[in-house]
Amino acid sequence: MKPDTLNAVKKILWQVLALNVLVALLKIVVGLLTGILSITADGFHSLVDGASNVVGLIAMRIAQSPPDESHPYGHRKAETLATLFIGLMLLVAAYEILKTAIERLSGGAAPEVTTVSFAVMLFTITVNLGVTLYESRRGKALHSEILLADSQHTRSDLWVSLAVIAGLVGVRLGFPWLDAVVGLVIAGVIGHAAYEILSESANVLIDAASIPHDEIEALVRGMPEVRGVENVRSRGQADNSYVDLHVQVDPDLSTAAAHSVAHAVQRKITAAFPQVHDVMVHVEPAQLPHTDHPDVGRTLQAIAKSLGGSVHEVWAHSINGQYFVEAHFEVSPRLSLAEAHALADELEQRGKSALPAVVDITTHIEPMGEAVPAAQPRFRTEQDLLDRVCTIADGICGAGAAHKIRVWAEKDGWTVSMHIWLAGDMPIADAHAISGQVEESLRREIPNLQRVVIHADPIASDE
């Protein structure tokens, strides 16, 4: 969120805070002077609104802090935490209304009705209606979670005030149980609003997708330079989202040309989704299947799994009208060379049998990495991991190659996002191979590494 927008949100919260305090004090004073318990209780309930505004203002101040080493993505989730707190306060309000309604249905004392009580409640409804409409309209315009959440909270006060009036009318008409029944209904309405707020806040905190991945994929696939799109992910808030994805391009492109495609993808996404703050594009060469057998990779993967192994980096290409396939074949590291070679021979024979148009299949045999339980992490802090990631990448690509490194902890391990400098005239296939080497080294060194995104940046030839 831009500084001007944050300042606008803070100004609105200050205005709403002043109104909430005014209404709360009015109801508490009138309630205490007249001895009307329902109005006094509603006055203290209005103080909760003031507390939510204070929480929002504190969150705005924290969220305005720029990114730092410990918080490379900034501090915007402070706003989400504040929204979560408002949702919890809504639950408390629903519980209090529910408890009071049950007590009255059980024979508790009915509230005392006076003309002053109706006047105060009507004034409260007028103020709260104006506040909720204003906050909702400005929250949508400014894309502010905190304003939209607080408008829902204030809207719940309208129902509370209406419930109090309904109860007072019921007492006047000789039906003291009516206010309790209405209170039960209102408790349900407020509880539902609390659930929606808590659900939205939880989705942000657990990094649920903030943008439908199929919309991003369809957008990028429509670009002529893109041969394929996969691993599309997004996270963040409605007005502050992060996107990362893998884009496949022609394998003959240079690293510099592929980097231009990545920038074009970034511009395309941010233009279509203004709420996106950052886009990480990992460019890789497209694997070109031959015309007769577009499922070469899937076919070989199925055969490899039946042999207890796995394949990756599958390439199908044509030479003088004849099709050839190369693939990396991972097998158990406990096998001898003779045993691994026998499995590779069987993979190649069964692959050619399943793919008659393929003249030859060549496999590169490599040991399969053994899984290490995530409960035994090697790195205790993000900084330890950052240092190790930088050392590994620089060791492969050259000193100073690794930059824009970001790491964060997920449920079962770490995720790494990084850029590496490579020669601008290097073929994208070679750049992808180096990226793959960096990724393999990272996975060997970081057993609980869940996901790696590596973006190659070109170095101009004259540098």
Protein backbone atom coordinates (compact mmCIF):
# COMPACT_ATOMS: atom_id res chain seq x y z
CA MET A 1 0.00 0.00 0.00
CA LYS A 2 1.36 3.42 -0.97
CA PRO A 3 2.15 5.98 1.78
CA ASP A 4 -0.69 8.27 0.62
CA THR A 5 -3.14 5.40 0.87
CA LEU A 6 -1.89 4.42 4.32
CA ASN A 7 -2.24 8.00 5.52
CA ALA A 8 -5.80 8.13 4.15
CA VAL A 9 -6.70 4.91 5.99
CA LYS A 10 -5.20 6.22 9.24
CA LYS A 11 -7.16 9.48 8.92
CA ILE A 12 -10.41 7.54 8.53
CA LEU A 13 -9.62 5.36 11.54
CA TRP A 14 -9.00 8.45 13.68
CA GLN A 15 -12.35 9.91 12.61
CA VAL A 16 -14.19 6.67 13.34
CA LEU A 17 -12.40 6.34 16.70
CA ALA A 18 -13.67 9.79 17.76
CA LEU A 19 -17.25 8.89 16.80
CA ASN A 20 -17.08 5.51 18.57
CA VAL A 21 -15.83 7.10 21.79
CA LEU A 22 -18.53 9.80 21.61
CA VAL A 23 -21.33 7.24 21.15
CA ALA A 24 -19.93 4.93 23.83
CA LEU A 25 -19.62 7.67 26.45
CA LEU A 26 -23.11 8.96 25.67
CA LYS A 27 -24.69 5.53 26.16
CA ILE A 28 -22.70 4.77 29.31
CA VAL A 29 -23.57 8.13 30.94
CA VAL A 30 -27.29 7.89 30.06
CA GLY A 31 -27.40 4.24 31.08
CA LEU A 32 -25.83 4.92 34.48
CA LEU A 33 -28.01 7.98 35.17
CA THR A 34 -31.26 6.20 34.28
CA GLY A 35 -30.27 2.78 35.56
CA ILE A 36 -30.97 1.12 32.16
CA LEU A 37 -28.65 -1.88 32.08
CA SER A 38 -29.07 -2.67 28.37
CA ILE A 39 -27.92 0.78 27.27
CA THR A 40 -24.99 0.72 29.70
CA ALA A 41 -23.90 -2.67 28.37
CA ASP A 42 -24.27 -1.47 24.79
CA GLY A 43 -22.12 1.53 25.67
CA PHE A 44 -19.30 -0.70 26.86
CA HIS A 45 -19.78 -2.77 23.73
CA SER A 46 -19.19 0.37 21.69
CA LEU A 47 -15.87 0.80 23.48
CA VAL A 48 -14.80 -2.40 21.74
CA ASP A 49 -15.14 -0.49 18.47
CA GLY A 50 -12.77 2.14 19.81
CA ALA A 51 -10.31 -0.59 20.76
CA SER A 52 -10.50 -2.04 17.24
CA ASN A 53 -9.72 1.38 15.77
CA VAL A 54 -6.70 1.72 18.08
CA VAL A 55 -5.51 -1.74 16.98
CA GLY A 56 -5.97 -0.69 13.35
CA LEU A 57 -3.95 2.49 13.82
CA ILE A 58 -1.11 0.58 15.47
CA ALA A 59 -1.18 -1.95 12.63
CA MET A 60 -1.06 0.85 10.04
CA ARG A 61 2.07 2.24 11.66
CA ILE A 62 3.78 -1.16 11.66
CA ALA A 63 2.65 -1.96 8.11
CA GLN A 64 4.17 1.31 6.87
CA SER A 65 7.65 0.17 7.91
CA PRO A 66 9.84 -0.64 4.88
CA PRO A 67 11.20 -4.17 4.24
CA ASP A 68 14.33 -5.12 6.14
CA GLU A 69 16.66 -8.13 6.40
CA SER A 70 14.37 -9.92 8.84
CA HIS A 71 11.20 -9.01 6.91
CA PRO A 72 12.14 -8.97 3.19
CA TYR A 73 8.46 -8.97 2.19
CA GLY A 74 7.66 -5.99 4.41
CA HIS A 75 5.33 -5.76 7.39
CA ARG A 76 1.92 -5.78 5.70
CA LYS A 77 0.74 -8.85 7.62
CA ALA A 78 0.53 -6.63 10.69
CA GLU A 79 -2.68 -5.35 9.12
CA THR A 80 -3.89 -8.93 8.71
CA LEU A 81 -3.14 -9.65 12.36
CA ALA A 82 -5.17 -6.59 13.34
CA THR A 83 -8.02 -7.79 11.15
CA LEU A 84 -7.79 -11.16 12.86
CA PHE A 85 -8.07 -9.45 16.25
CA ILE A 86 -11.21 -7.60 15.12
CA GLY A 87 -12.72 -10.93 14.07
CA LEU A 88 -12.01 -12.32 17.53
CA MET A 89 -13.68 -9.29 19.14
CA LEU A 90 -16.73 -9.94 16.98
CA LEU A 91 -16.84 -13.48 18.34
CA VAL A 92 -16.69 -12.12 21.89
CA ALA A 93 -19.54 -9.71 21.12
CA ALA A 94 -21.63 -12.55 19.67
CA TYR A 95 -20.95 -14.65 22.77
CA GLU A 96 -21.98 -11.84 25.14
CA ILE A 97 -25.24 -11.23 23.26
CA LEU A 98 -25.95 -14.96 23.18
CA LYS A 99 -25.32 -15.30 26.92
CA THR A 100 -27.56 -12.32 27.78
CA ALA A 101 -30.36 -13.63 25.54
CA ILE A 102 -30.26 -17.04 27.21
CA GLU A 103 -30.32 -15.45 30.67
CA ARG A 104 -33.42 -13.42 29.78
CA LEU A 105 -35.16 -16.47 28.31
CA SER A 106 -34.38 -18.22 31.59
CA GLY A 107 -36.27 -15.58 33.56
CA GLY A 108 -33.72 -12.80 33.94
CA ALA A 109 -34.75 -9.21 34.59
CA ALA A 110 -36.15 -7.24 31.65
CA PRO A 111 -34.64 -3.83 30.81
CA GLU A 112 -36.37 -0.65 32.01
CA VAL A 113 -37.91 1.29 29.14
CA THR A 114 -37.82 5.12 28.95
CA THR A 115 -38.15 7.74 26.24
CA VAL A 116 -34.49 8.66 26.73
CA SER A 117 -33.46 5.07 26.00
CA PHE A 118 -35.18 5.16 22.58
CA ALA A 119 -33.63 8.55 21.75
CA VAL A 120 -30.13 7.39 22.62
CA MET A 121 -30.48 4.16 20.63
CA LEU A 122 -31.86 5.98 17.56
CA PHE A 123 -28.94 8.42 17.71
CA THR A 124 -26.54 5.46 17.97
CA ILE A 125 -28.09 3.78 14.92
CA THR A 126 -27.80 6.97 12.87
CA VAL A 127 -24.11 7.41 13.74
CA ASN A 128 -23.23 3.74 13.18
CA LEU A 129 -25.06 3.63 9.85
CA GLY A 130 -23.08 6.61 8.62
CA VAL A 131 -19.80 5.13 9.86
CA THR A 132 -20.31 1.70 8.30
CA LEU A 133 -21.30 3.12 4.89
CA TYR A 134 -18.36 5.53 4.92
CA GLU A 135 -15.81 2.89 5.98
CA SER A 136 -17.12 0.34 3.48
CA ARG A 137 -17.00 2.80 0.59
CA ARG A 138 -13.51 4.08 1.46
CA GLY A 139 -12.25 0.57 2.25
CA LYS A 140 -13.19 -0.64 -1.25
CA ALA A 141 -11.70 2.45 -2.87
CA LEU A 142 -8.43 2.12 -0.94
CA HIS A 143 -8.36 -1.72 -1.00
CA SER A 144 -7.92 -1.72 2.78
CA GLU A 145 -8.56 -4.93 4.72
CA ILE A 146 -8.69 -3.07 8.02
CA LEU A 147 -11.36 -0.59 6.90
CA LEU A 148 -13.54 -3.28 5.34
CA ALA A 149 -13.25 -5.44 8.46
CA ASP A 150 -14.01 -2.52 10.75
CA SER A 151 -17.04 -1.57 8.63
CA GLN A 152 -18.39 -5.08 9.19
CA HIS A 153 -17.73 -4.69 12.90
CA THR A 154 -19.59 -1.38 12.96
CA ARG A 155 -22.41 -2.95 10.94
CA SER A 156 -22.76 -5.52 13.70
CA ASP A 157 -23.37 -2.62 16.13
CA LEU A 158 -26.41 -1.66 14.07
CA TRP A 159 -27.82 -5.10 14.70
CA VAL A 160 -26.97 -4.85 18.38
CA SER A 161 -28.73 -1.48 18.64
CA LEU A 162 -31.75 -2.79 16.73
CA ALA A 163 -31.84 -5.79 19.05
CA VAL A 164 -31.89 -3.47 22.07
CA ILE A 165 -34.75 -1.41 20.56
CA ALA A 166 -36.67 -4.58 19.66
CA GLY A 167 -36.26 -5.76 23.23
CA LEU A 168 -37.50 -2.44 24.58
CA VAL A 169 -40.52 -2.50 22.28
CA GLY A 170 -41.23 -6.07 23.33
CA VAL A 171 -41.20 -5.08 26.99
CA ARG A 172 -43.55 -2.12 26.29
CA LEU A 173 -45.98 -4.47 24.48
CA GLY A 174 -45.89 -7.02 27.25
CA PHE A 175 -43.61 -9.55 25.53
CA PRO A 176 -40.34 -9.40 27.53
CA TRP A 177 -39.07 -12.58 25.85
CA LEU A 178 -39.03 -10.88 22.41
CA ASP A 179 -35.73 -9.05 23.01
CA ALA A 180 -34.08 -12.36 23.94
CA VAL A 181 -35.26 -14.08 20.73
CA VAL A 182 -34.02 -11.18 18.62
CA GLY A 183 -30.73 -11.30 20.56
CA LEU A 184 -30.25 -14.95 19.57
CA VAL A 185 -30.75 -14.09 15.89
CA ILE A 186 -28.35 -11.16 16.10
CA ALA A 187 -25.72 -13.30 17.81
CA GLY A 188 -25.86 -15.63 14.81
CA VAL A 189 -25.48 -12.75 12.34
CA ILE A 190 -22.48 -11.34 14.19
CA GLY A 191 -20.95 -14.81 14.53
CA HIS A 192 -21.21 -15.30 10.76
CA ALA A 193 -19.47 -11.94 10.12
CA ALA A 194 -16.72 -12.99 12.55
CA TYR A 195 -16.28 -16.28 10.69
CA GLU A 196 -15.87 -14.52 7.34
CA ILE A 197 -13.28 -12.10 8.71
CA LEU A 198 -11.32 -14.84 10.52
CA SER A 199 -11.43 -17.04 7.42
CA GLU A 200 -10.08 -14.30 5.13
CA SER A 201 -7.35 -13.37 7.61
CA ALA A 202 -6.34 -17.00 8.09
CA ASN A 203 -6.05 -17.45 4.32
CA VAL A 204 -3.55 -14.58 4.17
CA LEU A 205 -1.53 -15.89 7.13
CA ILE A 206 -1.28 -19.43 5.72
CA ASP A 207 -0.42 -18.11 2.25
CA ALA A 208 -3.56 -19.25 0.46
CA ALA A 209 -3.74 -18.31 -3.22
CA SER A 210 -4.63 -14.63 -3.54
CA ILE A 211 -5.26 -14.83 -7.31
CA PRO A 212 -6.75 -17.85 -9.16
CA HIS A 213 -3.78 -19.60 -10.75
CA ASP A 214 -5.75 -20.48 -13.90
CA GLU A 215 -6.30 -16.77 -14.60
CA ILE A 216 -2.56 -16.08 -14.41
CA GLU A 217 -1.74 -19.15 -16.49
CA ALA A 218 -4.25 -18.24 -19.22
CA LEU A 219 -2.87 -14.70 -19.34
CA VAL A 220 0.75 -15.80 -19.74
CA ARG A 221 0.03 -18.64 -22.16
CA GLY A 222 -1.43 -16.07 -24.54
CA MET A 223 2.01 -14.48 -25.01
CA PRO A 224 3.66 -15.56 -28.31
CA GLU A 225 7.12 -16.00 -26.75
CA VAL A 226 5.87 -18.44 -24.10
CA ARG A 227 5.87 -22.15 -24.91
CA GLY A 228 4.48 -23.35 -21.59
CA VAL A 229 3.51 -22.30 -18.05
CA GLU A 230 3.58 -24.33 -14.83
CA ASN A 231 3.97 -24.10 -11.05
CA VAL A 232 1.92 -20.90 -10.82
CA ARG A 233 1.56 -19.66 -7.23
CA SER A 234 0.30 -16.53 -5.52
CA ARG A 235 -0.03 -15.37 -1.94
CA GLY A 236 -0.56 -12.23 0.11
CA GLN A 237 -3.38 -9.76 0.68
CA ALA A 238 -6.04 -8.46 -1.66
CA ASP A 239 -3.98 -5.32 -2.34
CA ASN A 240 -0.48 -6.72 -1.88
CA SER A 241 0.06 -10.06 -3.65
CA TYR A 242 3.18 -11.98 -4.69
CA VAL A 243 3.31 -14.30 -7.70
CA ASP A 244 5.88 -16.82 -8.86
CA LEU A 245 5.73 -19.17 -11.84
CA HIS A 246 7.80 -21.21 -14.28
CA VAL A 247 7.75 -20.15 -17.94
CA GLN A 248 9.06 -22.30 -20.79
CA VAL A 249 10.64 -20.69 -23.84
CA ASP A 250 12.39 -21.83 -27.00
CA PRO A 251 15.60 -23.65 -25.92
CA ASP A 252 17.60 -21.80 -28.60
CA LEU A 253 17.00 -18.41 -26.98
CA SER A 254 19.96 -16.68 -25.34
CA THR A 255 19.85 -15.92 -21.63
CA ALA A 256 19.43 -12.21 -22.44
CA ALA A 257 16.47 -12.91 -24.73
CA ALA A 258 14.91 -15.27 -22.18
CA HIS A 259 15.35 -12.58 -19.54
CA SER A 260 13.44 -10.14 -21.75
CA VAL A 261 10.62 -12.65 -21.94
CA ALA A 262 10.60 -12.87 -18.13
CA HIS A 263 10.29 -9.08 -17.87
CA ALA A 264 7.47 -9.12 -20.41
CA VAL A 265 5.66 -11.74 -18.31
CA GLN A 266 6.13 -9.60 -15.20
CA ARG A 267 4.72 -6.53 -16.93
CA LYS A 268 1.78 -8.52 -18.32
CA ILE A 269 0.83 -9.85 -14.88
CA THR A 270 1.21 -6.56 -13.00
CA ALA A 271 -0.82 -4.74 -15.68
CA ALA A 272 -3.65 -7.27 -15.43
CA PHE A 273 -3.48 -7.53 -11.63
CA PRO A 274 -2.52 -4.13 -10.12
CA GLN A 275 -2.53 -5.63 -6.62
CA VAL A 276 0.56 -7.71 -7.46
CA HIS A 277 3.62 -6.24 -5.73
CA ASP A 278 6.26 -8.64 -7.07
CA VAL A 279 6.49 -11.36 -9.75
CA MET A 280 9.22 -14.01 -9.73
CA VAL A 281 9.60 -15.69 -13.13
CA HIS A 282 11.75 -18.80 -13.51
CA VAL A 283 12.57 -19.29 -17.20
CA GLU A 284 13.41 -22.76 -18.50
CA PRO A 285 13.79 -24.26 -21.97
CA ALA A 286 10.71 -25.96 -23.35
CA GLN A 287 10.96 -29.69 -23.81
CA LEU A 288 9.90 -30.21 -27.39
CA PRO A 289 8.02 -33.52 -27.86
CA HIS A 290 8.00 -35.00 -31.33
CA THR A 291 4.81 -34.91 -33.34
CA ASP A 292 3.98 -38.62 -33.10
CA HIS A 293 4.41 -38.99 -29.33
CA PRO A 294 3.68 -35.84 -27.32
CA ASP A 295 3.67 -37.83 -24.04
CA VAL A 296 7.29 -38.99 -24.07
CA GLY A 297 7.99 -37.57 -20.60
CA ARG A 298 4.91 -39.10 -18.99
CA THR A 299 5.55 -42.47 -20.65
CA LEU A 300 9.16 -42.68 -19.44
CA GLN A 301 8.20 -41.46 -15.97
CA ALA A 302 5.60 -44.24 -15.66
CA ILE A 303 8.15 -46.87 -16.72
CA ALA A 304 10.82 -45.45 -14.38
CA LYS A 305 8.45 -45.54 -11.40
CA SER A 306 7.62 -49.18 -12.10
CA LEU A 307 11.38 -49.85 -11.88
CA GLY A 308 11.67 -47.99 -8.56
CA GLY A 309 13.29 -44.89 -10.04
CA SER A 310 12.41 -41.52 -11.52
CA VAL A 311 13.22 -39.50 -14.65
CA HIS A 312 13.64 -35.79 -15.26
CA GLU A 313 15.15 -33.46 -17.87
CA VAL A 314 13.53 -35.46 -20.70
CA TRP A 315 14.42 -34.19 -24.18
CA ALA A 316 12.93 -35.37 -27.49
CA HIS A 317 14.45 -34.08 -30.72
CA SER A 318 14.64 -34.90 -34.41
CA ILE A 319 17.77 -35.49 -36.51
CA ASN A 320 17.25 -36.07 -40.23
CA GLY A 321 13.67 -37.14 -39.60
CA GLN A 322 14.57 -39.63 -36.86
CA TYR A 323 13.56 -39.09 -33.23
CA PHE A 324 15.95 -39.41 -30.30
CA VAL A 325 15.35 -39.03 -26.56
CA GLU A 326 17.70 -38.18 -23.69
CA ALA A 327 16.70 -38.34 -20.03
CA HIS A 328 18.17 -38.34 -16.53
CA PHE A 329 17.33 -41.59 -14.71
CA GLU A 330 17.47 -41.53 -10.90
CA VAL A 331 17.97 -44.84 -9.09
CA SER A 332 18.61 -45.89 -5.51
CA PRO A 333 22.12 -44.90 -4.36
CA ARG A 334 22.46 -48.37 -2.79
CA LEU A 335 22.61 -50.05 -6.21
CA SER A 336 25.88 -51.10 -7.81
CA LEU A 337 26.82 -49.70 -11.22
CA ALA A 338 25.93 -53.02 -12.85
CA GLU A 339 22.50 -53.10 -11.17
CA ALA A 340 21.76 -49.45 -12.06
CA HIS A 341 22.90 -50.03 -15.64
CA ALA A 342 20.61 -53.05 -15.96
CA LEU A 343 17.64 -50.91 -14.85
CA ALA A 344 18.61 -48.18 -17.32
CA ASP A 345 18.78 -50.76 -20.14
CA GLU A 346 15.31 -52.00 -19.22
CA LEU A 347 13.98 -48.43 -19.13
CA GLU A 348 15.41 -47.76 -22.59
CA GLN A 349 14.09 -51.01 -24.09
CA ARG A 350 10.61 -50.63 -22.62
CA GLY A 351 10.57 -46.98 -23.64
CA LYS A 352 11.38 -47.75 -27.29
CA SER A 353 8.78 -50.49 -27.27
CA ALA A 354 6.14 -48.05 -25.99
CA LEU A 355 7.33 -45.32 -28.38
CA PRO A 356 7.93 -47.00 -31.76
CA ALA A 357 8.83 -43.77 -33.55
CA VAL A 358 11.80 -43.22 -31.21
CA VAL A 359 15.03 -44.57 -32.69
CA ASP A 360 17.10 -44.41 -29.52
CA ILE A 361 16.83 -43.47 -25.84
CA THR A 362 19.95 -42.41 -23.94
CA THR A 363 19.83 -42.20 -20.15
CA HIS A 364 22.10 -40.45 -17.71
CA ILE A 365 22.17 -42.50 -14.51
CA GLU A 366 22.34 -40.62 -11.23
CA PRO A 367 21.70 -41.50 -7.59
CA MET A 368 18.33 -40.60 -6.14
CA GLY A 369 18.47 -38.22 -3.18
CA GLU A 370 17.33 -39.82 0.04
CA ALA A 371 14.62 -37.97 1.96
CA VAL A 372 15.57 -36.54 5.32
CA PRO A 373 12.71 -35.99 7.78
CA ALA A 374 11.64 -32.35 8.05
CA ALA A 375 11.74 -32.76 11.82
CA GLN A 376 15.54 -32.59 11.62
CA PRO A 377 16.20 -29.17 10.04
CA ARG A 378 19.84 -28.27 9.55
CA PHE A 379 19.25 -24.53 9.64
CA ARG A 380 17.72 -22.91 12.69
CA THR A 381 17.33 -19.35 11.38
CA GLU A 382 16.62 -17.70 8.05
CA GLN A 383 19.99 -15.92 8.15
CA ASP A 384 21.87 -19.23 8.47
CA LEU A 385 20.00 -20.51 5.45
CA LEU A 386 20.56 -17.29 3.48
CA ASP A 387 24.31 -17.49 4.05
CA ARG A 388 24.47 -21.13 2.95
CA VAL A 389 22.33 -20.54 -0.16
CA CYS A 390 24.59 -17.67 -1.21
CA THR A 391 27.75 -19.75 -0.68
CA ILE A 392 26.42 -22.69 -2.72
CA ALA A 393 25.19 -20.55 -5.64
CA ASP A 394 28.37 -18.45 -5.80
CA GLY A 395 30.45 -21.61 -5.72
CA ILE A 396 28.76 -22.82 -8.91
CA CYS A 397 28.10 -19.55 -10.76
CA GLY A 398 30.96 -17.39 -9.54
CA ALA A 399 31.47 -14.90 -6.71
CA GLY A 400 28.64 -12.39 -6.42
CA ALA A 401 26.33 -14.30 -8.75
CA ALA A 402 23.65 -14.91 -6.13
CA HIS A 403 21.42 -11.93 -5.31
CA LYS A 404 17.85 -11.07 -4.32
CA ILE A 405 17.80 -14.16 -2.12
CA ARG A 406 14.63 -14.69 -0.11
CA VAL A 407 13.82 -17.57 2.20
CA TRP A 408 10.80 -18.33 4.33
CA ALA A 409 9.60 -21.23 6.44
CA GLU A 410 6.58 -23.22 5.38
CA LYS A 411 4.72 -26.03 7.13
CA ASP A 412 7.20 -28.80 6.32
CA GLY A 413 10.41 -26.96 5.55
CA TRP A 414 12.04 -24.02 3.75
CA THR A 415 11.30 -22.26 0.46
CA VAL A 416 14.05 -20.39 -1.42
CA SER A 417 13.64 -17.72 -4.09
CA MET A 418 16.77 -16.25 -5.68
CA HIS A 419 18.40 -14.62 -8.74
CA ILE A 420 21.76 -15.56 -10.28
CA TRP A 421 23.93 -13.60 -12.71
CA LEU A 422 24.92 -15.47 -15.91
CA ALA A 423 26.45 -14.41 -19.22
CA GLY A 424 23.86 -12.69 -21.41
CA ASP A 425 24.88 -14.60 -24.55
CA MET A 426 24.69 -18.01 -22.84
CA PRO A 427 22.03 -20.29 -24.44
CA ILE A 428 18.98 -20.65 -22.22
CA ALA A 429 19.46 -24.44 -22.25
CA ASP A 430 22.90 -23.99 -20.65
CA ALA A 431 21.53 -21.42 -18.21
CA HIS A 432 18.80 -23.85 -17.23
CA ALA A 433 21.37 -26.60 -16.70
CA ILE A 434 23.35 -24.34 -14.35
CA SER A 435 20.17 -23.40 -12.49
CA GLY A 436 19.42 -27.10 -12.17
CA GLN A 437 22.90 -27.70 -10.78
CA VAL A 438 22.37 -24.98 -8.18
CA GLU A 439 19.00 -26.46 -7.23
CA GLU A 440 20.40 -29.98 -6.89
CA SER A 441 23.21 -28.69 -4.68
CA LEU A 442 20.75 -26.77 -2.52
CA ARG A 443 18.57 -29.84 -2.08
CA ARG A 444 21.58 -31.93 -1.04
CA GLU A 445 22.65 -29.33 1.51
CA ILE A 446 19.15 -28.47 2.80
CA PRO A 447 17.27 -31.73 3.46
CA ASN A 448 13.97 -30.03 4.39
CA LEU A 449 13.95 -27.72 1.36
CA GLN A 450 10.42 -27.76 -0.08
CA ARG A 451 10.63 -25.42 -3.07
CA VAL A 452 13.32 -23.57 -5.04
CA VAL A 453 12.75 -20.78 -7.58
CA ILE A 454 15.87 -19.61 -9.44
CA HIS A 455 15.76 -16.69 -11.88
CA ALA A 456 18.74 -16.14 -14.20
CA ASP A 457 19.69 -12.49 -14.86
CA PRO A 458 21.92 -11.76 -17.90
CA ILE A 459 25.25 -9.95 -17.57
CA ALA A 460 25.95 -7.71 -20.56
CA SER A 461 28.78 -9.04 -22.71
CA ASP A 462 30.89 -5.91 -22.17
CA GLU A 463 30.79 -6.26 -18.34
